[in-house]
Protein backbone atom coordinates (compact mmCIF):
# COMPACT_ATOMS: atom_id res chain seq x y z
CA MET A 1 -22.66 22.97 4.36
CA SER A 2 -22.60 23.63 0.48
CA VAL A 3 -23.32 26.34 -1.33
CA GLU A 4 -26.42 26.60 -3.42
CA VAL A 5 -27.52 28.95 -6.27
CA LYS A 6 -29.65 31.24 -4.05
CA ASP A 7 -26.58 32.18 -1.89
CA VAL A 8 -24.79 33.42 -5.06
CA MET A 9 -27.91 34.48 -7.86
CA GLY A 10 -28.26 37.97 -9.16
CA ARG A 11 -31.82 38.89 -8.20
CA VAL A 12 -32.39 40.63 -11.40
CA ALA A 13 -34.14 38.48 -13.57
CA ILE A 14 -32.77 39.97 -17.26
CA ALA A 15 -35.10 38.71 -19.53
CA VAL A 16 -37.54 39.69 -22.55
CA LEU A 17 -40.91 38.79 -24.00
CA MET A 18 -41.11 36.49 -27.00
CA ASP A 19 -41.99 39.15 -28.83
CA ALA A 20 -39.43 41.41 -28.18
CA SER A 21 -37.94 43.05 -31.38
CA PHE A 22 -34.43 42.50 -32.76
CA VAL A 23 -33.13 46.28 -31.15
CA GLU A 24 -34.79 45.68 -27.87
CA ILE A 25 -32.98 42.51 -27.31
CA VAL A 26 -29.79 44.43 -27.96
CA GLU A 27 -30.84 47.50 -25.59
CA ALA A 28 -31.36 44.99 -22.48
CA MET A 29 -28.03 43.28 -23.42
CA GLY A 30 -26.28 46.62 -23.18
CA ARG A 31 -28.57 48.15 -20.37
CA PHE A 32 -27.27 45.25 -18.16
CA ALA A 33 -23.91 44.62 -19.72
CA VAL A 34 -24.61 40.72 -20.40
CA GLY A 35 -24.00 38.66 -23.65
CA ALA A 36 -27.67 36.87 -23.19
CA VAL A 37 -31.13 37.14 -22.41
CA THR A 38 -33.77 34.62 -21.32
CA VAL A 39 -36.95 34.59 -23.17
CA ILE A 40 -39.90 34.22 -20.98
CA ASP A 41 -43.98 33.27 -21.98
CA GLY A 42 -46.35 35.32 -20.64
CA ASP A 43 -46.36 33.65 -17.39
CA ARG A 44 -42.82 34.67 -16.67
CA ARG A 45 -41.69 31.21 -17.61
CA PRO A 46 -38.69 30.89 -19.67
CA VAL A 47 -38.87 29.52 -23.03
CA GLY A 48 -35.38 29.87 -24.38
CA VAL A 49 -32.18 32.27 -24.53
CA VAL A 50 -30.85 34.84 -27.10
CA SER A 51 -26.87 35.17 -26.87
CA GLU A 52 -25.05 37.62 -28.87
CA ASP A 53 -23.92 34.80 -30.93
CA ASP A 54 -27.55 34.57 -32.01
CA LEU A 55 -27.74 37.96 -33.13
CA LEU A 56 -24.26 38.14 -34.70
CA LEU A 57 -26.02 35.85 -37.35
CA LYS A 58 -28.00 38.67 -38.40
CA GLU A 59 -24.11 40.22 -39.82
CA THR A 60 -22.68 36.86 -40.69
CA ASP A 61 -25.34 34.82 -42.55
CA THR A 62 -26.49 37.15 -45.20
CA VAL A 63 -27.43 34.32 -47.60
CA ARG A 64 -31.04 33.74 -46.11
CA HIS A 65 -33.51 32.93 -49.31
CA CYS A 66 -31.05 30.17 -51.30
CA VAL A 67 -31.44 27.41 -49.12
CA SER A 68 -29.55 24.07 -50.42
CA MET A 69 -30.65 20.60 -49.88
CA TYR A 70 -27.40 19.84 -48.74
CA GLU A 71 -27.51 22.06 -45.46
CA SER A 72 -27.44 20.22 -41.96
CA GLY A 73 -29.90 20.92 -39.73
CA ARG A 74 -27.75 23.46 -37.75
CA GLU A 75 -27.02 25.36 -40.93
CA ARG A 76 -30.72 25.55 -41.62
CA GLN A 77 -31.43 26.50 -38.07
CA GLU A 78 -28.81 29.35 -38.27
CA HIS A 79 -30.52 30.68 -41.76
CA GLN A 80 -33.89 30.89 -39.63
CA LYS A 81 -32.18 32.87 -36.83
CA ALA A 82 -30.41 35.44 -39.19
CA ALA A 83 -33.68 36.08 -40.85
CA GLY A 84 -35.39 36.29 -37.40
CA VAL A 85 -36.51 39.99 -35.93
CA THR A 86 -37.92 38.77 -32.49
CA ALA A 87 -37.05 36.66 -29.91
CA ALA A 88 -38.74 34.24 -30.35
CA GLU A 89 -37.26 33.73 -34.06
CA LEU A 90 -33.94 34.29 -32.74
CA MET A 91 -34.06 32.08 -29.23
CA SER A 92 -32.21 28.84 -28.83
CA SER A 93 -34.98 26.55 -27.05
CA PRO A 94 -35.77 25.03 -24.64
CA ALA A 95 -34.03 27.03 -22.08
CA ILE A 96 -31.34 25.31 -19.22
CA THR A 97 -32.50 26.42 -16.10
CA VAL A 98 -31.51 25.80 -12.32
CA THR A 99 -33.63 26.48 -9.14
CA PRO A 100 -32.39 28.61 -6.04
CA GLY A 101 -32.07 24.95 -4.32
CA THR A 102 -29.51 23.76 -6.94
CA LEU A 103 -25.74 23.25 -5.71
CA VAL A 104 -23.60 25.77 -7.20
CA ARG A 105 -21.21 22.89 -8.21
CA GLU A 106 -23.90 21.31 -9.91
CA ALA A 107 -24.63 24.62 -11.90
CA ALA A 108 -20.50 25.51 -12.59
CA ARG A 109 -20.45 21.73 -13.97
CA LEU A 110 -23.71 22.44 -16.06
CA MET A 111 -22.10 25.80 -17.46
CA HIS A 112 -18.83 23.93 -18.80
CA VAL A 113 -20.80 21.37 -20.21
CA ARG A 114 -23.62 23.45 -22.22
CA ARG A 115 -20.78 25.97 -22.86
CA ILE A 116 -22.91 28.76 -21.36
CA ARG A 117 -22.16 31.56 -18.93
CA GLN A 118 -25.39 32.31 -17.55
CA LEU A 119 -28.48 30.18 -16.48
CA PRO A 120 -32.28 31.62 -15.44
CA VAL A 121 -32.95 30.78 -12.12
CA VAL A 122 -36.40 29.56 -11.73
CA ASP A 123 -39.01 29.03 -8.99
CA GLU A 124 -39.15 25.27 -8.34
CA VAL A 125 -42.93 25.43 -7.57
CA SER A 126 -43.94 27.85 -10.53
CA GLY A 127 -41.24 27.87 -12.73
CA ARG A 128 -41.05 31.48 -13.11
CA ILE A 129 -37.85 33.08 -13.56
CA VAL A 130 -36.57 35.11 -10.46
CA GLY A 131 -32.94 35.84 -11.27
CA THR A 132 -30.01 34.82 -12.89
CA LEU A 133 -26.63 33.19 -12.11
CA HIS A 134 -23.89 34.50 -14.17
CA GLN A 135 -20.63 32.45 -14.14
CA ARG A 136 -19.12 35.72 -12.12
CA ASP A 137 -21.56 34.87 -9.32
CA VAL A 138 -20.29 30.99 -9.46
CA LEU A 139 -17.10 31.96 -8.78
CA ARG A 140 -17.67 34.10 -6.10
CA VAL A 141 -17.68 31.05 -4.09
CA PHE A 142 -13.53 31.31 -3.84
CA ILE A 143 -13.37 34.80 -2.33
CA ARG A 144 -15.35 33.30 0.93
CA PRO A 145 -13.77 34.76 4.23
CA VAL A 146 -11.34 32.57 5.37
CA GLY A 147 -12.81 31.62 8.68
CA GLU A 148 -16.23 30.49 7.16
CA LEU A 149 -13.87 28.58 4.58
CA GLU A 150 -11.64 26.75 7.37
CA ALA A 151 -14.64 26.43 9.69
CA GLU A 152 -16.01 24.31 6.90
CA VAL A 153 -12.82 22.33 6.34
CA ARG A 154 -12.85 21.03 9.75
CA GLN A 155 -16.42 19.96 9.57
CA VAL A 156 -14.90 16.90 7.04
CA LEU A 157 -11.76 16.34 9.06
CA PRO A 158 -12.10 13.01 11.20
CA ASP A 159 -10.65 14.44 14.38
CA PRO A 160 -10.48 18.61 14.05
CA GLU A 161 -7.99 18.39 17.01
CA ALA A 162 -5.67 15.78 15.07
CA PHE A 163 -5.04 17.95 12.02
CA ALA A 164 -3.37 21.16 11.09
CA VAL A 165 -5.11 23.63 8.71
CA GLU A 166 -3.67 26.32 6.92
CA ILE A 167 -5.49 28.81 4.26
CA ASP A 168 -4.21 30.78 1.96
CA GLN A 169 -5.64 32.27 -0.79
CA GLY A 170 -8.31 28.79 -1.28
CA VAL A 171 -5.22 26.52 -0.81
CA VAL A 172 -6.00 24.52 1.91
CA THR A 173 -2.41 22.85 3.97
CA VAL A 174 -3.59 20.16 6.00
CA SER A 175 -1.10 18.37 7.85
CA GLY A 176 -1.51 15.65 10.67
CA ALA A 177 -0.97 11.72 10.88
CA VAL A 178 -3.73 8.72 10.01
CA GLU A 179 -2.95 5.08 9.89
CA TRP A 180 -3.46 4.20 6.50
CA ARG A 181 -2.17 6.02 2.87
CA SER A 182 -6.01 5.50 1.72
CA GLN A 183 -7.49 7.85 4.32
CA ALA A 184 -5.09 10.57 3.56
CA ILE A 185 -6.00 10.61 0.17
CA ALA A 186 -9.93 10.67 0.96
CA LEU A 187 -9.29 13.15 3.30
CA ALA A 188 -7.64 15.29 0.72
CA GLU A 189 -10.39 14.58 -1.61
CA ARG A 190 -12.96 15.87 1.05
CA ILE A 191 -11.42 18.81 1.72
CA ARG A 192 -10.96 19.37 -2.04
CA ALA A 193 -15.06 19.33 -2.11
CA VAL A 194 -15.72 21.83 -0.22
CA GLU A 195 -17.21 25.11 -1.86
CA GLY A 196 -14.47 27.47 -2.45
CA VAL A 197 -11.08 25.61 -1.93
CA VAL A 198 -8.72 26.31 -4.56
CA ASP A 199 -6.26 23.22 -4.12
CA VAL A 200 -5.08 21.18 -1.36
CA ARG A 201 -1.17 20.88 -0.12
CA SER A 202 -1.57 17.64 1.96
CA VAL A 203 0.95 16.65 4.24
CA VAL A 204 -0.68 14.35 6.14
CA THR A 205 1.53 11.32 6.73
CA PHE A 206 0.46 7.68 7.42
CA ASP A 207 1.80 4.39 9.09
CA LYS A 208 0.61 1.97 6.46
CA ASP A 209 0.41 1.73 2.79
CA ASP A 210 -2.46 -0.22 1.59
CA LEU A 211 -2.24 1.00 -1.80
CA LEU A 212 0.78 -0.88 -3.02
CA SER A 213 0.49 -3.15 -5.85
CA ALA A 214 0.95 -6.92 -4.87
CA PRO A 215 3.79 -8.28 -6.84
CA SER A 216 2.72 -10.10 -9.85
CA GLY A 217 3.06 -14.09 -9.86
CA THR A 218 5.62 -15.41 -12.43
């Protein structure tokens, strides 16, 4: 069974309204010990995110009234954020969100690609924020109970009785025998795809190598 966001997410929606002040945003980050807060509208729907990087522009970007025609779009945006005093002016928009039913693996990939440390979780019907997914929540899949992890690993085996499985610190060692080399490789990949598996050590043997390259003709 794949792990979904709802299985690991934080139930506290760390958010501020669009008119929240700079100081209120800093206080919210400190209160919840987070590096970003979601900005929501009056209906609790995420419209953006304010991160520590956005706030730090207030200190690092001190030239706010002399705008050069040669500035890039990103530089102009940073100048505007540096001059901002409310969440609506400081936020990066639109907000990148997930739903409780999103697979944790997909959420982790989204965090990695977009270089973000937390995601607002929204109700898939109303679009309202219902919680927050942090990187530390995603990493919880790697400390699943060994018995639970082994049971799921055995579910992907073609014949659970024909293979031995050992798990140590999330590393799965599987042994047994199959007919083809490609079957042994595919088996290891299926196990590696199980949520919570850190790595796979396969000592599965095979009778026939169906992946040998054919000799090139002369």
